[in-house]
C-alpha atoms as a PDB file:
ATOM      1  CA  UNK A   1     -13.189  35.614  -7.142  1.00  0.00           C
ATOM      2  CA  UNK A   2     -10.767  32.960  -6.227  1.00  0.00           C
ATOM      3  CA  UNK A   3     -10.472  29.289  -5.287  1.00  0.00           C
ATOM      4  CA  UNK A   4      -9.034  27.473  -2.321  1.00  0.00           C
ATOM      5  CA  UNK A   5      -8.352  23.918  -1.610  1.00  0.00           C
ATOM      6  CA  UNK A   6      -9.760  21.803   1.833  1.00  0.00           C
ATOM      7  CA  UNK A   7      -7.269  18.981   1.941  1.00  0.00           C
ATOM      8  CA  UNK A   8      -8.713  16.246   3.653  1.00  0.00           C
ATOM      9  CA  UNK A   9      -5.813  13.226   4.014  1.00  0.00           C
ATOM     10  CA  UNK A  10      -5.867   9.920   6.163  1.00  0.00           C
ATOM     11  CA  UNK A  11      -2.029   8.610   7.051  1.00  0.00           C
ATOM     12  CA  UNK A  12      -1.281   5.412   8.061  1.00  0.00           C
ATOM     13  CA  UNK A  13       0.680   7.287  10.892  1.00  0.00           C
ATOM     14  CA  UNK A  14       0.076   5.180  14.462  1.00  0.00           C
ATOM     15  CA  UNK A  15      -2.483   8.617  15.631  1.00  0.00           C
ATOM     16  CA  UNK A  16      -4.137   8.118  12.345  1.00  0.00           C
ATOM     17  CA  UNK A  17      -4.724   4.879  12.864  1.00  0.00           C
ATOM     18  CA  UNK A  18      -6.272   5.947  16.060  1.00  0.00           C
ATOM     19  CA  UNK A  19      -8.407   8.127  15.342  1.00  0.00           C
ATOM     20  CA  UNK A  20     -10.193   6.624  12.464  1.00  0.00           C
ATOM     21  CA  UNK A  21     -10.693   4.141  14.955  1.00  0.00           C
ATOM     22  CA  UNK A  22     -12.320   5.865  17.655  1.00  0.00           C
ATOM     23  CA  UNK A  23     -13.770   7.892  14.706  1.00  0.00           C
ATOM     24  CA  UNK A  24     -14.878   6.088  12.338  1.00  0.00           C
ATOM     25  CA  UNK A  25     -14.537   8.565   9.802  1.00  0.00           C
ATOM     26  CA  UNK A  26     -12.098   7.829   6.128  1.00  0.00           C
ATOM     27  CA  UNK A  27     -10.561  11.211   6.929  1.00  0.00           C
ATOM     28  CA  UNK A  28      -9.081  12.258   9.815  1.00  0.00           C
ATOM     29  CA  UNK A  29      -6.774  15.453   8.794  1.00  0.00           C
ATOM     30  CA  UNK A  30      -7.187  18.456   7.285  1.00  0.00           C
ATOM     31  CA  UNK A  31      -5.139  20.985   5.207  1.00  0.00           C
ATOM     32  CA  UNK A  32      -6.207  24.302   3.157  1.00  0.00           C
ATOM     33  CA  UNK A  33      -4.223  25.238  -0.181  1.00  0.00           C
ATOM     34  CA  UNK A  34      -4.191  27.854  -2.101  1.00  0.00           C
ATOM     35  CA  UNK A  35      -2.371  26.772  -5.288  1.00  0.00           C
ATOM     36  CA  UNK A  36      -4.192  24.215  -7.337  1.00  0.00           C
ATOM     37  CA  UNK A  37      -2.140  21.356  -7.165  1.00  0.00           C
ATOM     38  CA  UNK A  38      -2.277  20.846  -3.710  1.00  0.00           C
ATOM     39  CA  UNK A  39       0.958  20.431  -3.205  1.00  0.00           C
ATOM     40  CA  UNK A  40       1.570  23.294  -0.091  1.00  0.00           C
ATOM     41  CA  UNK A  41      -0.699  23.316   1.874  1.00  0.00           C
ATOM     42  CA  UNK A  42      -1.125  24.514   6.069  1.00  0.00           C
ATOM     43  CA  UNK A  43      -2.398  22.633   9.177  1.00  0.00           C
ATOM     44  CA  UNK A  44      -1.526  21.924  12.023  1.00  0.00           C
ATOM     45  CA  UNK A  45       0.117  19.082  12.579  1.00  0.00           C
ATOM     46  CA  UNK A  46       3.643  17.017  13.722  1.00  0.00           C
ATOM     47  CA  UNK A  47       6.526  19.665  14.167  1.00  0.00           C
ATOM     48  CA  UNK A  48       9.295  16.857  13.766  1.00  0.00           C
ATOM     49  CA  UNK A  49       8.188  13.643  11.499  1.00  0.00           C
ATOM     50  CA  UNK A  50       9.330  10.757  13.965  1.00  0.00           C
ATOM     51  CA  UNK A  51       7.971  12.408  17.269  1.00  0.00           C
ATOM     52  CA  UNK A  52       4.159  13.095  16.714  1.00  0.00           C
ATOM     53  CA  UNK A  53       4.417  14.699  20.568  1.00  0.00           C
ATOM     54  CA  UNK A  54       5.529  18.095  19.245  1.00  0.00           C
ATOM     55  CA  UNK A  55       2.372  19.794  17.353  1.00  0.00           C
ATOM     56  CA  UNK A  56       1.808  23.316  16.065  1.00  0.00           C
ATOM     57  CA  UNK A  57       1.399  25.104  13.282  1.00  0.00           C
ATOM     58  CA  UNK A  58       2.952  23.500   9.745  1.00  0.00           C
ATOM     59  CA  UNK A  59       3.030  24.134   6.727  1.00  0.00           C
ATOM     60  CA  UNK A  60       3.235  20.797   4.640  1.00  0.00           C
ATOM     61  CA  UNK A  61       4.284  19.838   1.217  1.00  0.00           C
ATOM     62  CA  UNK A  62       2.222  16.580  -0.313  1.00  0.00           C
ATOM     63  CA  UNK A  63       5.871  15.351  -1.620  1.00  0.00           C
ATOM     64  CA  UNK A  64       7.707  15.412   1.844  1.00  0.00           C
ATOM     65  CA  UNK A  65       7.485  14.533   5.691  1.00  0.00           C
ATOM     66  CA  UNK A  66       4.881  12.349   6.789  1.00  0.00           C
ATOM     67  CA  UNK A  67       2.880  12.450   2.696  1.00  0.00           C
ATOM     68  CA  UNK A  68       6.298  11.212   1.779  1.00  0.00           C
ATOM     69  CA  UNK A  69       6.680   8.114   4.555  1.00  0.00           C
ATOM     70  CA  UNK A  70       3.945   7.528   3.155  1.00  0.00           C
ATOM     71  CA  UNK A  71       2.948   7.673  -0.153  1.00  0.00           C
ATOM     72  CA  UNK A  72      -0.485   5.879  -0.121  1.00  0.00           C
ATOM     73  CA  UNK A  73      -2.183   8.522   1.706  1.00  0.00           C
ATOM     74  CA  UNK A  74      -5.226   8.997   0.361  1.00  0.00           C
ATOM     75  CA  UNK A  75      -7.202  12.400   0.266  1.00  0.00           C
ATOM     76  CA  UNK A  76     -10.761  14.100  -0.591  1.00  0.00           C
ATOM     77  CA  UNK A  77     -10.255  17.583  -2.165  1.00  0.00           C
ATOM     78  CA  UNK A  78     -12.894  20.256  -2.481  1.00  0.00           C
ATOM     79  CA  UNK A  79     -12.661  23.346  -4.000  1.00  0.00           C
ATOM     80  CA  UNK A  80     -14.200  26.577  -2.797  1.00  0.00           C
ATOM     81  CA  UNK A  81     -14.454  29.782  -5.057  1.00  0.00           C
ATOM     82  CA  UNK A  82     -14.280  32.929  -2.599  1.00  0.00           C
ATOM     83  CA  UNK A  83     -14.617  36.388  -3.615  1.00  0.00           C
ATOM     84  CA  UNK A  84     -11.192  38.384  -3.425  1.00  0.00           C
ATOM     85  CA  UNK A  85     -12.399  40.052  -0.134  1.00  0.00           C
ATOM     86  CA  UNK A  86     -12.864  36.961   1.651  1.00  0.00           C
ATOM     87  CA  UNK A  87      -9.972  35.800   0.032  1.00  0.00           C
ATOM     88  CA  UNK A  88      -8.497  38.282   1.465  1.00  0.00           C
ATOM     89  CA  UNK A  89     -10.148  38.070   5.168  1.00  0.00           C
ATOM     90  CA  UNK A  90      -8.414  34.315   4.958  1.00  0.00           C
ATOM     91  CA  UNK A  91      -4.516  35.379   3.737  1.00  0.00           C
ATOM     92  CA  UNK A  92      -5.113  38.148   6.527  1.00  0.00           C
ATOM     93  CA  UNK A  93      -5.740  35.440   8.814  1.00  0.00           C
ATOM     94  CA  UNK A  94      -2.977  32.965   8.055  1.00  0.00           C
ATOM     95  CA  UNK A  95      -0.168  35.391   7.922  1.00  0.00           C
ATOM     96  CA  UNK A  96      -0.775  35.449  11.600  1.00  0.00           C
ATOM     97  CA  UNK A  97       0.276  32.156  11.848  1.00  0.00           C
ATOM     98  CA  UNK A  98       3.499  32.579   8.769  1.00  0.00           C
ATOM     99  CA  UNK A  99       5.149  35.512  10.722  1.00  0.00           C
ATOM    100  CA  UNK A 100       4.864  33.523  13.916  1.00  0.00           C
ATOM    101  CA  UNK A 101       4.595  30.063  13.447  1.00  0.00           C
ATOM    102  CA  UNK A 102       6.430  28.929  17.180  1.00  0.00           C
ATOM    103  CA  UNK A 103       3.534  30.680  18.912  1.00  0.00           C
ATOM    104  CA  UNK A 104       0.954  28.430  17.905  1.00  0.00           C
ATOM    105  CA  UNK A 105       0.552  24.720  19.768  1.00  0.00           C
ATOM    106  CA  UNK A 106      -1.209  21.853  19.130  1.00  0.00           C
ATOM    107  CA  UNK A 107      -4.466  21.056  21.064  1.00  0.00           C
ATOM    108  CA  UNK A 108      -4.165  17.678  22.629  1.00  0.00           C
ATOM    109  CA  UNK A 109      -6.774  18.738  24.580  1.00  0.00           C
ATOM    110  CA  UNK A 110      -8.629  19.751  21.901  1.00  0.00           C
ATOM    111  CA  UNK A 111      -9.043  15.957  20.726  1.00  0.00           C
ATOM    112  CA  UNK A 112     -10.533  14.565  23.823  1.00  0.00           C
ATOM    113  CA  UNK A 113     -13.287  17.676  24.318  1.00  0.00           C
ATOM    114  CA  UNK A 114     -14.236  17.225  20.765  1.00  0.00           C
ATOM    115  CA  UNK A 115     -15.505  13.654  21.316  1.00  0.00           C
ATOM    116  CA  UNK A 116     -16.968  14.678  24.988  1.00  0.00           C
ATOM    117  CA  UNK A 117     -18.219  17.642  22.642  1.00  0.00           C
ATOM    118  CA  UNK A 118     -17.486  20.413  24.619  1.00  0.00           C
ATOM    119  CA  UNK A 119     -15.828  23.438  23.813  1.00  0.00           C
ATOM    120  CA  UNK A 120     -13.114  25.221  24.236  1.00  0.00           C
ATOM    121  CA  UNK A 121     -10.966  27.501  22.266  1.00  0.00           C
ATOM    122  CA  UNK A 122      -7.536  29.397  23.651  1.00  0.00           C
ATOM    123  CA  UNK A 123      -5.843  31.651  22.163  1.00  0.00           C
ATOM    124  CA  UNK A 124      -3.045  29.985  20.396  1.00  0.00           C
ATOM    125  CA  UNK A 125      -3.614  26.422  20.419  1.00  0.00           C
ATOM    126  CA  UNK A 126      -5.813  24.211  17.570  1.00  0.00           C
ATOM    127  CA  UNK A 127      -6.247  21.335  16.025  1.00  0.00           C
ATOM    128  CA  UNK A 128      -6.282  20.624  12.340  1.00  0.00           C
ATOM    129  CA  UNK A 129     -10.382  21.650  11.647  1.00  0.00           C
ATOM    130  CA  UNK A 130     -10.339  24.059  14.217  1.00  0.00           C
ATOM    131  CA  UNK A 131      -7.099  25.495  12.282  1.00  0.00           C
ATOM    132  CA  UNK A 132      -8.549  25.355   8.361  1.00  0.00           C
ATOM    133  CA  UNK A 133     -12.220  26.239  10.348  1.00  0.00           C
ATOM    134  CA  UNK A 134     -10.737  29.405  11.726  1.00  0.00           C
ATOM    135  CA  UNK A 135      -9.414  30.990   8.921  1.00  0.00           C
ATOM    136  CA  UNK A 136     -12.584  29.910   6.630  1.00  0.00           C
ATOM    137  CA  UNK A 137     -15.164  31.473   9.916  1.00  0.00           C
ATOM    138  CA  UNK A 138     -17.558  33.998   8.867  1.00  0.00           C
ATOM    139  CA  UNK A 139     -17.199  33.283   5.201  1.00  0.00           C
ATOM    140  CA  UNK A 140     -19.119  29.406   4.936  1.00  0.00           C
ATOM    141  CA  UNK A 141     -21.432  28.772   7.139  1.00  0.00           C
ATOM    142  CA  UNK A 142     -20.596  25.854   9.735  1.00  0.00           C
ATOM    143  CA  UNK A 143     -22.702  24.138  12.116  1.00  0.00           C
ATOM    144  CA  UNK A 144     -20.650  23.973  15.139  1.00  0.00           C
ATOM    145  CA  UNK A 145     -18.325  25.976  17.518  1.00  0.00           C
ATOM    146  CA  UNK A 146     -14.964  26.196  15.530  1.00  0.00           C
ATOM    147  CA  UNK A 147     -12.991  23.924  18.268  1.00  0.00           C
ATOM    148  CA  UNK A 148     -15.433  21.498  17.912  1.00  0.00           C
ATOM    149  CA  UNK A 149     -15.213  20.549  13.946  1.00  0.00           C
ATOM    150  CA  UNK A 150     -13.293  17.694  13.112  1.00  0.00           C
ATOM    151  CA  UNK A 151     -12.550  16.842   9.216  1.00  0.00           C
ATOM    152  CA  UNK A 152     -15.422  15.066   8.302  1.00  0.00           C
ATOM    153  CA  UNK A 153     -17.874  17.687   8.773  1.00  0.00           C
ATOM    154  CA  UNK A 154     -16.116  19.170   5.583  1.00  0.00           C
ATOM    155  CA  UNK A 155     -17.970  16.275   4.084  1.00  0.00           C
ATOM    156  CA  UNK A 156     -21.428  17.582   4.612  1.00  0.00           C
ATOM    157  CA  UNK A 157     -20.635  20.597   3.592  1.00  0.00           C
ATOM    158  CA  UNK A 158     -22.205  21.822   0.142  1.00  0.00           C
ATOM    159  CA  UNK A 159     -18.803  22.120  -1.276  1.00  0.00           C
ATOM    160  CA  UNK A 160     -17.500  20.987  -4.891  1.00  0.00           C
ATOM    161  CA  UNK A 161     -15.425  17.908  -4.593  1.00  0.00           C
ATOM    162  CA  UNK A 162     -12.544  17.111  -7.358  1.00  0.00           C
ATOM    163  CA  UNK A 163     -10.704  14.409  -6.040  1.00  0.00           C
ATOM    164  CA  UNK A 164     -10.592  11.463  -4.117  1.00  0.00           C
ATOM    165  CA  UNK A 165      -7.930   8.961  -4.197  1.00  0.00           C
ATOM    166  CA  UNK A 166      -4.192   8.915  -3.291  1.00  0.00           C
ATOM    167  CA  UNK A 167      -3.031  12.732  -2.577  1.00  0.00           C
ATOM    168  CA  UNK A 168       0.256  11.819  -4.552  1.00  0.00           C
ATOM    169  CA  UNK A 169      -1.013  10.811  -7.666  1.00  0.00           C
ATOM    170  CA  UNK A 170      -3.377  14.431  -7.732  1.00  0.00           C
ATOM    171  CA  UNK A 171      -0.326  16.718  -6.693  1.00  0.00           C
ATOM    172  CA  UNK A 172       2.052  15.139  -9.414  1.00  0.00           C
ATOM    173  CA  UNK A 173      -0.621  15.077 -11.800  1.00  0.00           C
ATOM    174  CA  UNK A 174      -1.248  18.455 -11.097  1.00  0.00           C
ATOM    175  CA  UNK A 175       2.197  19.457 -11.245  1.00  0.00           C
ATOM    176  CA  UNK A 176       2.985  18.333 -14.532  1.00  0.00           C
ATOM    177  CA  UNK A 177       0.078  20.512 -15.883  1.00  0.00           C
ATOM    178  CA  UNK A 178       0.550  23.467 -13.504  1.00  0.00           C
ATOM    179  CA  UNK A 179       3.944  24.743 -12.546  1.00  0.00           C
ATOM    180  CA  UNK A 180       2.562  27.891 -11.082  1.00  0.00           C
ATOM    181  CA  UNK A 181       4.501  28.997  -8.414  1.00  0.00           C
ATOM    182  CA  UNK A 182       3.339  29.120  -4.621  1.00  0.00           C
ATOM    183  CA  UNK A 183       1.444  31.720  -3.317  1.00  0.00           C
ATOM    184  CA  UNK A 184       2.532  31.530  -0.017  1.00  0.00           C
END
């Protein structure tokens, strides 16, 4: 068995605060991490820290980028156990993104379609929640289509919550206990 972390976050960026105002949800971003300390995560978000309109597949670091700009970022972390076979499926899916990261774009259209409850999954276009859901599709039982998932939907699943609080506190606390290298 292997463990994977699902990381829900809420920064204080203009986009994140706007999403929070519209959705009324406590967390409006989601990432996936294959390390216990959650220092390295994968998601869809801004590719240029100071320009949010250029987005796509990103490898996030809890101590850099947007998270460094907003050290008070709140998070909720879930840990899921998967079989070795399921883990390999997830890693195989992720490797497609890692191999050609510039082919994948952030789907601003889907932000509006999610709000209108209109499913649309286009090849190479994702938002953070559709990306994480794509990786876990068929492994976790979802009640919505991939393109309609939002980060808050993960709060409705039967997942093991391991932490809620400041992301930097979790990462830095765990780094002092665990000096293992990144999986990917």
